[in-house]
């Protein structure tokens, strides 16, 4: 998270392509892990990845392109998590982090969750 910080990348813009490539690789890994082959094992811990992401963005503002790329992977993990684990995560988070998680979860439900209609 600290590598993708907005202040750091604004002061040294030459780091942006490398950090963005790293974010793309992380997203690719999260996408591969969220496939059906690992879904049963991953359901138990996928919500913690969402928690780590939300806590990390509370500590430091991410560059917009890095944030967009990482959110794609986090949304894949949210698709693996069941609603009960996400509700328990929401209850366990501190107040400021809980608001951020709620907004992220609403965006996931509105724009990224598959509902069966096209």
C-alpha atoms as a PDB file:
ATOM      1  CA  UNK A   1       0.000   0.000   0.000  1.00  0.00           C
ATOM      2  CA  UNK A   2       2.795   2.415   0.813  1.00  0.00           C
ATOM      3  CA  UNK A   3       4.322   1.989  -2.649  1.00  0.00           C
ATOM      4  CA  UNK A   4       1.088   3.065  -4.344  1.00  0.00           C
ATOM      5  CA  UNK A   5       0.606   6.152  -2.197  1.00  0.00           C
ATOM      6  CA  UNK A   6      -0.563   9.258  -3.986  1.00  0.00           C
ATOM      7  CA  UNK A   7       2.056  11.534  -2.390  1.00  0.00           C
ATOM      8  CA  UNK A   8       4.928   9.203  -3.199  1.00  0.00           C
ATOM      9  CA  UNK A   9       3.907   8.721  -6.826  1.00  0.00           C
ATOM     10  CA  UNK A  10       3.273  12.456  -7.262  1.00  0.00           C
ATOM     11  CA  UNK A  11       6.804  13.263  -6.099  1.00  0.00           C
ATOM     12  CA  UNK A  12       8.443  10.554  -8.253  1.00  0.00           C
ATOM     13  CA  UNK A  13       6.213   9.834 -11.259  1.00  0.00           C
ATOM     14  CA  UNK A  14       8.789   7.494 -12.779  1.00  0.00           C
ATOM     15  CA  UNK A  15       7.719   4.847 -10.229  1.00  0.00           C
ATOM     16  CA  UNK A  16       4.119   4.774 -11.474  1.00  0.00           C
ATOM     17  CA  UNK A  17       4.557   2.207 -14.298  1.00  0.00           C
ATOM     18  CA  UNK A  18       6.293  -0.269 -11.985  1.00  0.00           C
ATOM     19  CA  UNK A  19       3.773   0.148  -9.182  1.00  0.00           C
ATOM     20  CA  UNK A  20       0.893  -0.130 -11.639  1.00  0.00           C
ATOM     21  CA  UNK A  21       2.394  -3.318 -13.087  1.00  0.00           C
ATOM     22  CA  UNK A  22       2.683  -4.742  -9.558  1.00  0.00           C
ATOM     23  CA  UNK A  23      -0.961  -3.865  -8.877  1.00  0.00           C
ATOM     24  CA  UNK A  24      -1.948  -5.614 -12.114  1.00  0.00           C
ATOM     25  CA  UNK A  25      -0.042  -8.728 -11.056  1.00  0.00           C
ATOM     26  CA  UNK A  26      -1.740  -8.710  -7.647  1.00  0.00           C
ATOM     27  CA  UNK A  27      -5.123  -8.362  -9.335  1.00  0.00           C
ATOM     28  CA  UNK A  28      -4.280 -11.228 -11.655  1.00  0.00           C
ATOM     29  CA  UNK A  29      -3.301 -13.402  -8.693  1.00  0.00           C
ATOM     30  CA  UNK A  30      -6.513 -12.542  -6.837  1.00  0.00           C
ATOM     31  CA  UNK A  31      -8.527 -13.326  -9.969  1.00  0.00           C
ATOM     32  CA  UNK A  32      -6.840 -16.706 -10.386  1.00  0.00           C
ATOM     33  CA  UNK A  33      -7.344 -17.558  -6.717  1.00  0.00           C
ATOM     34  CA  UNK A  34     -11.018 -16.638  -6.865  1.00  0.00           C
ATOM     35  CA  UNK A  35     -11.698 -19.220  -9.557  1.00  0.00           C
ATOM     36  CA  UNK A  36     -13.945 -22.187  -8.847  1.00  0.00           C
ATOM     37  CA  UNK A  37     -10.966 -24.499  -8.206  1.00  0.00           C
ATOM     38  CA  UNK A  38     -10.098 -22.710  -4.953  1.00  0.00           C
ATOM     39  CA  UNK A  39     -13.506 -21.347  -3.982  1.00  0.00           C
ATOM     40  CA  UNK A  40     -14.249 -23.769  -1.125  1.00  0.00           C
ATOM     41  CA  UNK A  41     -10.944 -23.113   0.623  1.00  0.00           C
ATOM     42  CA  UNK A  42     -10.924 -19.416  -0.133  1.00  0.00           C
ATOM     43  CA  UNK A  43     -14.403 -18.652   1.201  1.00  0.00           C
ATOM     44  CA  UNK A  44     -13.097 -18.928   4.737  1.00  0.00           C
ATOM     45  CA  UNK A  45     -10.442 -16.217   4.366  1.00  0.00           C
ATOM     46  CA  UNK A  46     -11.463 -14.062   1.381  1.00  0.00           C
ATOM     47  CA  UNK A  47     -13.153 -11.444   3.541  1.00  0.00           C
ATOM     48  CA  UNK A  48      -9.849 -10.744   5.316  1.00  0.00           C
ATOM     49  CA  UNK A  49      -8.330  -9.545   2.032  1.00  0.00           C
ATOM     50  CA  UNK A  50     -11.131  -7.002   1.785  1.00  0.00           C
ATOM     51  CA  UNK A  51     -10.459  -5.958   5.372  1.00  0.00           C
ATOM     52  CA  UNK A  52      -6.735  -5.514   4.749  1.00  0.00           C
ATOM     53  CA  UNK A  53      -7.435  -3.418   1.669  1.00  0.00           C
ATOM     54  CA  UNK A  54      -9.913  -1.157   3.480  1.00  0.00           C
ATOM     55  CA  UNK A  55      -7.601  -0.695   6.468  1.00  0.00           C
ATOM     56  CA  UNK A  56      -4.712   0.066   4.099  1.00  0.00           C
ATOM     57  CA  UNK A  57      -6.587   2.756   2.202  1.00  0.00           C
ATOM     58  CA  UNK A  58      -7.597   4.339   5.500  1.00  0.00           C
ATOM     59  CA  UNK A  59      -3.922   4.746   6.381  1.00  0.00           C
ATOM     60  CA  UNK A  60      -2.800   6.140   3.042  1.00  0.00           C
ATOM     61  CA  UNK A  61      -4.481   7.493  -0.073  1.00  0.00           C
ATOM     62  CA  UNK A  62      -3.704   5.415  -3.142  1.00  0.00           C
ATOM     63  CA  UNK A  63      -3.007   6.793  -6.591  1.00  0.00           C
ATOM     64  CA  UNK A  64      -6.218   6.568  -8.624  1.00  0.00           C
ATOM     65  CA  UNK A  65      -4.914   4.132 -11.251  1.00  0.00           C
ATOM     66  CA  UNK A  66      -3.408   1.845  -8.623  1.00  0.00           C
ATOM     67  CA  UNK A  67      -6.625   1.970  -6.593  1.00  0.00           C
ATOM     68  CA  UNK A  68      -8.753   1.127  -9.616  1.00  0.00           C
ATOM     69  CA  UNK A  69      -6.566  -1.834 -10.472  1.00  0.00           C
ATOM     70  CA  UNK A  70      -6.485  -3.234  -6.939  1.00  0.00           C
ATOM     71  CA  UNK A  71     -10.240  -2.824  -6.540  1.00  0.00           C
ATOM     72  CA  UNK A  72     -10.803  -5.195  -9.446  1.00  0.00           C
ATOM     73  CA  UNK A  73      -9.046  -7.967  -7.515  1.00  0.00           C
ATOM     74  CA  UNK A  74     -10.726  -7.122  -4.222  1.00  0.00           C
ATOM     75  CA  UNK A  75     -14.123  -7.264  -5.922  1.00  0.00           C
ATOM     76  CA  UNK A  76     -13.274 -10.758  -7.194  1.00  0.00           C
ATOM     77  CA  UNK A  77     -12.603 -11.818  -3.612  1.00  0.00           C
ATOM     78  CA  UNK A  78     -15.814 -10.191  -2.438  1.00  0.00           C
ATOM     79  CA  UNK A  79     -17.638 -12.343  -4.986  1.00  0.00           C
ATOM     80  CA  UNK A  80     -16.178 -15.440  -3.326  1.00  0.00           C
ATOM     81  CA  UNK A  81     -17.143 -14.334   0.197  1.00  0.00           C
ATOM     82  CA  UNK A  82     -20.627 -15.099   1.408  1.00  0.00           C
ATOM     83  CA  UNK A  83     -22.889 -12.388   2.765  1.00  0.00           C
ATOM     84  CA  UNK A  84     -22.624 -13.643   6.350  1.00  0.00           C
ATOM     85  CA  UNK A  85     -18.831 -13.312   6.490  1.00  0.00           C
ATOM     86  CA  UNK A  86     -19.016  -9.848   4.935  1.00  0.00           C
ATOM     87  CA  UNK A  87     -21.654  -8.839   7.493  1.00  0.00           C
ATOM     88  CA  UNK A  88     -19.448 -10.147  10.307  1.00  0.00           C
ATOM     89  CA  UNK A  89     -16.510  -8.231   8.847  1.00  0.00           C
ATOM     90  CA  UNK A  90     -18.586  -5.067   8.717  1.00  0.00           C
ATOM     91  CA  UNK A  91     -19.511  -5.501  12.380  1.00  0.00           C
ATOM     92  CA  UNK A  92     -15.897  -6.119  13.435  1.00  0.00           C
ATOM     93  CA  UNK A  93     -14.332  -3.117  11.693  1.00  0.00           C
ATOM     94  CA  UNK A  94     -13.678   0.159  13.534  1.00  0.00           C
ATOM     95  CA  UNK A  95     -16.064   3.067  12.907  1.00  0.00           C
ATOM     96  CA  UNK A  96     -14.068   4.992  10.257  1.00  0.00           C
ATOM     97  CA  UNK A  97     -13.060   1.864   8.404  1.00  0.00           C
ATOM     98  CA  UNK A  98     -16.627   0.567   8.558  1.00  0.00           C
ATOM     99  CA  UNK A  99     -17.879   3.553   6.548  1.00  0.00           C
ATOM    100  CA  UNK A 100     -15.249   2.983   3.863  1.00  0.00           C
ATOM    101  CA  UNK A 101     -16.103  -0.718   3.702  1.00  0.00           C
ATOM    102  CA  UNK A 102     -19.808   0.070   3.439  1.00  0.00           C
ATOM    103  CA  UNK A 103     -19.216   2.378   0.459  1.00  0.00           C
ATOM    104  CA  UNK A 104     -16.961  -0.197  -1.200  1.00  0.00           C
ATOM    105  CA  UNK A 105     -19.554  -2.937  -0.645  1.00  0.00           C
ATOM    106  CA  UNK A 106     -22.344  -0.777  -2.070  1.00  0.00           C
ATOM    107  CA  UNK A 107     -20.259  -0.061  -5.185  1.00  0.00           C
ATOM    108  CA  UNK A 108     -19.545  -3.768  -5.530  1.00  0.00           C
ATOM    109  CA  UNK A 109     -23.246  -4.625  -5.302  1.00  0.00           C
ATOM    110  CA  UNK A 110     -24.243  -1.878  -7.717  1.00  0.00           C
ATOM    111  CA  UNK A 111     -21.592  -2.190 -10.423  1.00  0.00           C
ATOM    112  CA  UNK A 112     -19.667  -5.456 -10.147  1.00  0.00           C
ATOM    113  CA  UNK A 113     -21.827  -8.199  -8.697  1.00  0.00           C
ATOM    114  CA  UNK A 114     -23.331 -10.562 -11.234  1.00  0.00           C
ATOM    115  CA  UNK A 115     -27.122 -10.473 -10.982  1.00  0.00           C
ATOM    116  CA  UNK A 116     -28.006 -12.715 -13.919  1.00  0.00           C
ATOM    117  CA  UNK A 117     -29.316  -9.974 -16.220  1.00  0.00           C
ATOM    118  CA  UNK A 118     -27.595  -8.247 -19.084  1.00  0.00           C
END
